[in-house]
């Protein structure tokens, strides 16, 4: 892995958490999860999917 700050999810997560629109998600989703679960799911998705997809681009 690169030493790029983008490779450290901990540094990027506050940005994504601030940009996540829970209110819009809740209004658009009939069985919306609680906000704390929404943020946890978003964090896991970021770590497991987005970081895996962009890692090759950062090398």
PDB file of N, CA and C in Angstrom:
ATOM      1  N   UNK A   1       0.824  -1.195   0.000  1.00  0.00           N
ATOM      2  CA  UNK A   1       0.000   0.000   0.000  1.00  0.00           C
ATOM      3  C   UNK A   1       0.865   1.254   0.000  1.00  0.00           C
ATOM      4  N   UNK A   2       0.342   2.271  -0.539  1.00  0.00           N
ATOM      5  CA  UNK A   2       1.024   3.548  -0.610  1.00  0.00           C
ATOM      6  C   UNK A   2       0.923   4.272   0.725  1.00  0.00           C
ATOM      7  N   UNK A   3       1.781   5.253   0.916  1.00  0.00           N
ATOM      8  CA  UNK A   3       1.709   6.039   2.141  1.00  0.00           C
ATOM      9  C   UNK A   3       0.802   7.251   1.966  1.00  0.00           C
ATOM     10  N   UNK A   4       0.056   7.284   0.899  1.00  0.00           N
ATOM     11  CA  UNK A   4      -0.864   8.378   0.624  1.00  0.00           C
ATOM     12  C   UNK A   4      -1.897   8.498   1.731  1.00  0.00           C
ATOM     13  N   UNK A   5      -2.267   9.726   2.116  1.00  0.00           N
ATOM     14  CA  UNK A   5      -3.297   9.890   3.143  1.00  0.00           C
ATOM     15  C   UNK A   5      -4.637   9.293   2.724  1.00  0.00           C
ATOM     16  N   UNK A   6      -4.851   9.128   1.419  1.00  0.00           N
ATOM     17  CA  UNK A   6      -6.101   8.528   0.964  1.00  0.00           C
ATOM     18  C   UNK A   6      -6.190   7.056   1.331  1.00  0.00           C
ATOM     19  N   UNK A   7      -5.070   6.441   1.600  1.00  0.00           N
ATOM     20  CA  UNK A   7      -5.065   5.026   1.947  1.00  0.00           C
ATOM     21  C   UNK A   7      -5.365   4.807   3.421  1.00  0.00           C
ATOM     22  N   UNK A   8      -5.566   5.868   4.166  1.00  0.00           N
ATOM     23  CA  UNK A   8      -5.847   5.757   5.586  1.00  0.00           C
ATOM     24  C   UNK A   8      -7.303   6.147   5.815  1.00  0.00           C
ATOM     25  N   UNK A   9      -8.214   5.171   5.826  1.00  0.00           N
ATOM     26  CA  UNK A   9      -9.637   5.471   5.957  1.00  0.00           C
ATOM     27  C   UNK A   9      -9.967   6.338   7.154  1.00  0.00           C
ATOM     28  N   UNK A  10      -9.207   6.224   8.227  1.00  0.00           N
ATOM     29  CA  UNK A  10      -9.488   7.001   9.426  1.00  0.00           C
ATOM     30  C   UNK A  10      -9.456   8.488   9.115  1.00  0.00           C
ATOM     31  N   UNK A  11      -8.560   8.912   8.234  1.00  0.00           N
ATOM     32  CA  UNK A  11      -8.450  10.325   7.900  1.00  0.00           C
ATOM     33  C   UNK A  11      -9.566  10.788   6.968  1.00  0.00           C
ATOM     34  N   UNK A  12     -10.091   9.908   6.159  1.00  0.00           N
ATOM     35  CA  UNK A  12     -11.123  10.268   5.187  1.00  0.00           C
ATOM     36  C   UNK A  12     -12.530  10.181   5.763  1.00  0.00           C
ATOM     37  N   UNK A  13     -12.721   9.347   6.752  1.00  0.00           N
ATOM     38  CA  UNK A  13     -14.067   9.098   7.252  1.00  0.00           C
ATOM     39  C   UNK A  13     -14.784  10.327   7.787  1.00  0.00           C
ATOM     40  N   UNK A  14     -14.134  11.229   8.505  1.00  0.00           N
ATOM     41  CA  UNK A  14     -14.883  12.413   8.960  1.00  0.00           C
ATOM     42  C   UNK A  14     -15.500  13.184   7.800  1.00  0.00           C
ATOM     43  N   UNK A  15     -14.793  13.279   6.683  1.00  0.00           N
ATOM     44  CA  UNK A  15     -15.321  13.961   5.505  1.00  0.00           C
ATOM     45  C   UNK A  15     -16.584  13.264   5.006  1.00  0.00           C
ATOM     46  N   UNK A  16     -16.528  11.934   4.867  1.00  0.00           N
ATOM     47  CA  UNK A  16     -17.680  11.195   4.370  1.00  0.00           C
ATOM     48  C   UNK A  16     -18.841  11.239   5.352  1.00  0.00           C
ATOM     49  N   UNK A  17     -18.551  11.187   6.628  1.00  0.00           N
ATOM     50  CA  UNK A  17     -19.610  11.252   7.632  1.00  0.00           C
ATOM     51  C   UNK A  17     -20.313  12.600   7.580  1.00  0.00           C
ATOM     52  N   UNK A  18     -19.546  13.668   7.375  1.00  0.00           N
ATOM     53  CA  UNK A  18     -20.142  15.000   7.292  1.00  0.00           C
ATOM     54  C   UNK A  18     -20.981  15.162   6.032  1.00  0.00           C
ATOM     55  N   UNK A  19     -20.596  14.486   4.956  1.00  0.00           N
ATOM     56  CA  UNK A  19     -21.298  14.616   3.682  1.00  0.00           C
ATOM     57  C   UNK A  19     -22.500  13.680   3.559  1.00  0.00           C
ATOM     58  N   UNK A  20     -22.576  12.668   4.392  1.00  0.00           N
ATOM     59  CA  UNK A  20     -23.692  11.724   4.325  1.00  0.00           C
ATOM     60  C   UNK A  20     -24.978  12.438   4.730  1.00  0.00           C
ATOM     61  N   UNK A  21     -26.012  12.242   3.951  1.00  0.00           N
ATOM     62  CA  UNK A  21     -27.290  12.902   4.216  1.00  0.00           C
ATOM     63  C   UNK A  21     -28.267  11.880   4.781  1.00  0.00           C
ATOM     64  N   UNK A  22     -28.218  11.699   6.086  1.00  0.00           N
ATOM     65  CA  UNK A  22     -29.069  10.712   6.736  1.00  0.00           C
ATOM     66  C   UNK A  22     -30.546  11.068   6.568  1.00  0.00           C
ATOM     67  N   UNK A  23     -30.876  12.332   6.646  1.00  0.00           N
ATOM     68  CA  UNK A  23     -32.273  12.752   6.520  1.00  0.00           C
ATOM     69  C   UNK A  23     -32.843  12.347   5.166  1.00  0.00           C
ATOM     70  N   UNK A  24     -32.092  12.586   4.098  1.00  0.00           N
ATOM     71  CA  UNK A  24     -32.553  12.194   2.759  1.00  0.00           C
ATOM     72  C   UNK A  24     -32.669  10.681   2.655  1.00  0.00           C
ATOM     73  N   UNK A  25     -31.686   9.969   3.208  1.00  0.00           N
ATOM     74  CA  UNK A  25     -31.730   8.501   3.214  1.00  0.00           C
ATOM     75  C   UNK A  25     -32.986   8.017   3.940  1.00  0.00           C
ATOM     76  N   UNK A  26     -33.259   8.586   5.105  1.00  0.00           N
ATOM     77  CA  UNK A  26     -34.406   8.155   5.916  1.00  0.00           C
ATOM     78  C   UNK A  26     -35.728   8.430   5.197  1.00  0.00           C
ATOM     79  N   UNK A  27     -35.814   9.569   4.529  1.00  0.00           N
ATOM     80  CA  UNK A  27     -37.038   9.915   3.802  1.00  0.00           C
ATOM     81  C   UNK A  27     -37.246   9.012   2.589  1.00  0.00           C
ATOM     82  N   UNK A  28     -36.164   8.558   1.963  1.00  0.00           N
ATOM     83  CA  UNK A  28     -36.257   7.763   0.740  1.00  0.00           C
ATOM     84  C   UNK A  28     -36.308   6.258   0.986  1.00  0.00           C
ATOM     85  N   UNK A  29     -36.058   5.832   2.219  1.00  0.00           N
ATOM     86  CA  UNK A  29     -35.978   4.408   2.529  1.00  0.00           C
ATOM     87  C   UNK A  29     -37.080   4.021   3.504  1.00  0.00           C
ATOM     88  N   UNK A  30     -38.008   3.161   3.072  1.00  0.00           N
ATOM     89  CA  UNK A  30     -39.126   2.784   3.945  1.00  0.00           C
ATOM     90  C   UNK A  30     -38.687   2.161   5.276  1.00  0.00           C
ATOM     91  N   UNK A  31     -37.724   1.267   5.247  1.00  0.00           N
ATOM     92  CA  UNK A  31     -37.256   0.613   6.473  1.00  0.00           C
ATOM     93  C   UNK A  31     -35.859   1.116   6.822  1.00  0.00           C
ATOM     94  N   UNK A  32     -35.737   2.422   6.985  1.00  0.00           N
ATOM     95  CA  UNK A  32     -34.426   3.028   7.244  1.00  0.00           C
ATOM     96  C   UNK A  32     -33.855   2.553   8.576  1.00  0.00           C
ATOM     97  N   UNK A  33     -32.549   2.336   8.569  1.00  0.00           N
ATOM     98  CA  UNK A  33     -31.877   1.925   9.803  1.00  0.00           C
ATOM     99  C   UNK A  33     -31.621   3.154  10.670  1.00  0.00           C
ATOM    100  N   UNK A  34     -31.401   2.956  11.970  1.00  0.00           N
ATOM    101  CA  UNK A  34     -31.084   4.089  12.847  1.00  0.00           C
ATOM    102  C   UNK A  34     -29.801   4.789  12.388  1.00  0.00           C
ATOM    103  N   UNK A  35     -29.666   6.046  12.774  1.00  0.00           N
ATOM    104  CA  UNK A  35     -28.537   6.848  12.307  1.00  0.00           C
ATOM    105  C   UNK A  35     -27.192   6.214  12.657  1.00  0.00           C
ATOM    106  N   UNK A  36     -27.041   5.678  13.866  1.00  0.00           N
ATOM    107  CA  UNK A  36     -25.751   5.094  14.238  1.00  0.00           C
ATOM    108  C   UNK A  36     -25.429   3.875  13.382  1.00  0.00           C
ATOM    109  N   UNK A  37     -26.439   3.104  12.990  1.00  0.00           N
ATOM    110  CA  UNK A  37     -26.201   1.952  12.115  1.00  0.00           C
ATOM    111  C   UNK A  37     -25.912   2.417  10.691  1.00  0.00           C
ATOM    112  N   UNK A  38     -26.566   3.484  10.271  1.00  0.00           N
ATOM    113  CA  UNK A  38     -26.318   4.069   8.954  1.00  0.00           C
ATOM    114  C   UNK A  38     -24.856   4.493   8.834  1.00  0.00           C
ATOM    115  N   UNK A  39     -24.362   5.181   9.850  1.00  0.00           N
ATOM    116  CA  UNK A  39     -22.967   5.637   9.820  1.00  0.00           C
ATOM    117  C   UNK A  39     -22.004   4.456   9.869  1.00  0.00           C
ATOM    118  N   UNK A  40     -22.332   3.448  10.660  1.00  0.00           N
ATOM    119  CA  UNK A  40     -21.475   2.255  10.732  1.00  0.00           C
ATOM    120  C   UNK A  40     -21.444   1.534   9.390  1.00  0.00           C
ATOM    121  N   UNK A  41     -22.605   1.403   8.760  1.00  0.00           N
ATOM    122  CA  UNK A  41     -22.680   0.739   7.455  1.00  0.00           C
ATOM    123  C   UNK A  41     -21.910   1.534   6.404  1.00  0.00           C
ATOM    124  N   UNK A  42     -22.025   2.847   6.456  1.00  0.00           N
ATOM    125  CA  UNK A  42     -21.301   3.697   5.519  1.00  0.00           C
ATOM    126  C   UNK A  42     -19.793   3.539   5.719  1.00  0.00           C
ATOM    127  N   UNK A  43     -19.349   3.498   6.959  1.00  0.00           N
ATOM    128  CA  UNK A  43     -17.932   3.333   7.268  1.00  0.00           C
ATOM    129  C   UNK A  43     -17.417   1.998   6.758  1.00  0.00           C
ATOM    130  N   UNK A  44     -18.158   0.938   7.008  1.00  0.00           N
ATOM    131  CA  UNK A  44     -17.750  -0.393   6.547  1.00  0.00           C
ATOM    132  C   UNK A  44     -17.706  -0.459   5.024  1.00  0.00           C
ATOM    133  N   UNK A  45     -18.702   0.121   4.375  1.00  0.00           N
ATOM    134  CA  UNK A  45     -18.723   0.136   2.911  1.00  0.00           C
ATOM    135  C   UNK A  45     -17.513   0.888   2.367  1.00  0.00           C
ATOM    136  N   UNK A  46     -17.203   2.003   2.975  1.00  0.00           N
ATOM    137  CA  UNK A  46     -16.036   2.783   2.560  1.00  0.00           C
ATOM    138  C   UNK A  46     -14.761   1.961   2.691  1.00  0.00           C
ATOM    139  N   UNK A  47     -14.569   1.348   3.844  1.00  0.00           N
ATOM    140  CA  UNK A  47     -13.348   0.575   4.096  1.00  0.00           C
ATOM    141  C   UNK A  47     -13.249  -0.648   3.192  1.00  0.00           C
ATOM    142  N   UNK A  48     -14.347  -1.364   3.029  1.00  0.00           N
ATOM    143  CA  UNK A  48     -14.312  -2.640   2.318  1.00  0.00           C
ATOM    144  C   UNK A  48     -14.470  -2.522   0.806  1.00  0.00           C
ATOM    145  N   UNK A  49     -15.182  -1.540   0.328  1.00  0.00           N
ATOM    146  CA  UNK A  49     -15.448  -1.437  -1.108  1.00  0.00           C
ATOM    147  C   UNK A  49     -14.673  -0.309  -1.778  1.00  0.00           C
ATOM    148  N   UNK A  50     -14.876   0.888  -1.334  1.00  0.00           N
ATOM    149  CA  UNK A  50     -14.241   2.028  -1.995  1.00  0.00           C
ATOM    150  C   UNK A  50     -12.723   1.961  -1.902  1.00  0.00           C
ATOM    151  N   UNK A  51     -12.194   1.691  -0.732  1.00  0.00           N
ATOM    152  CA  UNK A  51     -10.736   1.636  -0.580  1.00  0.00           C
ATOM    153  C   UNK A  51     -10.142   0.517  -1.426  1.00  0.00           C
ATOM    154  N   UNK A  52     -10.828  -0.614  -1.509  1.00  0.00           N
ATOM    155  CA  UNK A  52     -10.334  -1.727  -2.329  1.00  0.00           C
ATOM    156  C   UNK A  52     -10.325  -1.351  -3.814  1.00  0.00           C
ATOM    157  N   UNK A  53     -11.298  -0.564  -4.236  1.00  0.00           N
ATOM    158  CA  UNK A  53     -11.375  -0.162  -5.643  1.00  0.00           C
ATOM    159  C   UNK A  53     -10.330   0.879  -6.017  1.00  0.00           C
ATOM    160  N   UNK A  54     -10.032   1.802  -5.113  1.00  0.00           N
ATOM    161  CA  UNK A  54      -9.096   2.866  -5.473  1.00  0.00           C
ATOM    162  C   UNK A  54      -7.649   2.542  -5.126  1.00  0.00           C
ATOM    163  N   UNK A  55      -7.410   1.527  -4.319  1.00  0.00           N
ATOM    164  CA  UNK A  55      -6.040   1.183  -3.918  1.00  0.00           C
ATOM    165  C   UNK A  55      -5.109   0.983  -5.119  1.00  0.00           C
ATOM    166  N   UNK A  56      -5.519   0.254  -6.161  1.00  0.00           N
ATOM    167  CA  UNK A  56      -4.618   0.081  -7.312  1.00  0.00           C
ATOM    168  C   UNK A  56      -4.291   1.404  -8.020  1.00  0.00           C
ATOM    169  N   UNK A  57      -5.181   2.353  -7.941  1.00  0.00           N
ATOM    170  CA  UNK A  57      -4.950   3.640  -8.600  1.00  0.00           C
ATOM    171  C   UNK A  57      -3.925   4.490  -7.858  1.00  0.00           C
ATOM    172  N   UNK A  58      -3.743   4.209  -6.579  1.00  0.00           N
ATOM    173  CA  UNK A  58      -2.836   5.005  -5.763  1.00  0.00           C
ATOM    174  C   UNK A  58      -1.410   4.479  -5.755  1.00  0.00           C
ATOM    175  N   UNK A  59      -1.213   3.295  -6.305  1.00  0.00           N
ATOM    176  CA  UNK A  59       0.145   2.718  -6.334  1.00  0.00           C
ATOM    177  C   UNK A  59       0.990   3.330  -7.415  1.00  0.00           C
TER     178      UNK A  59
END
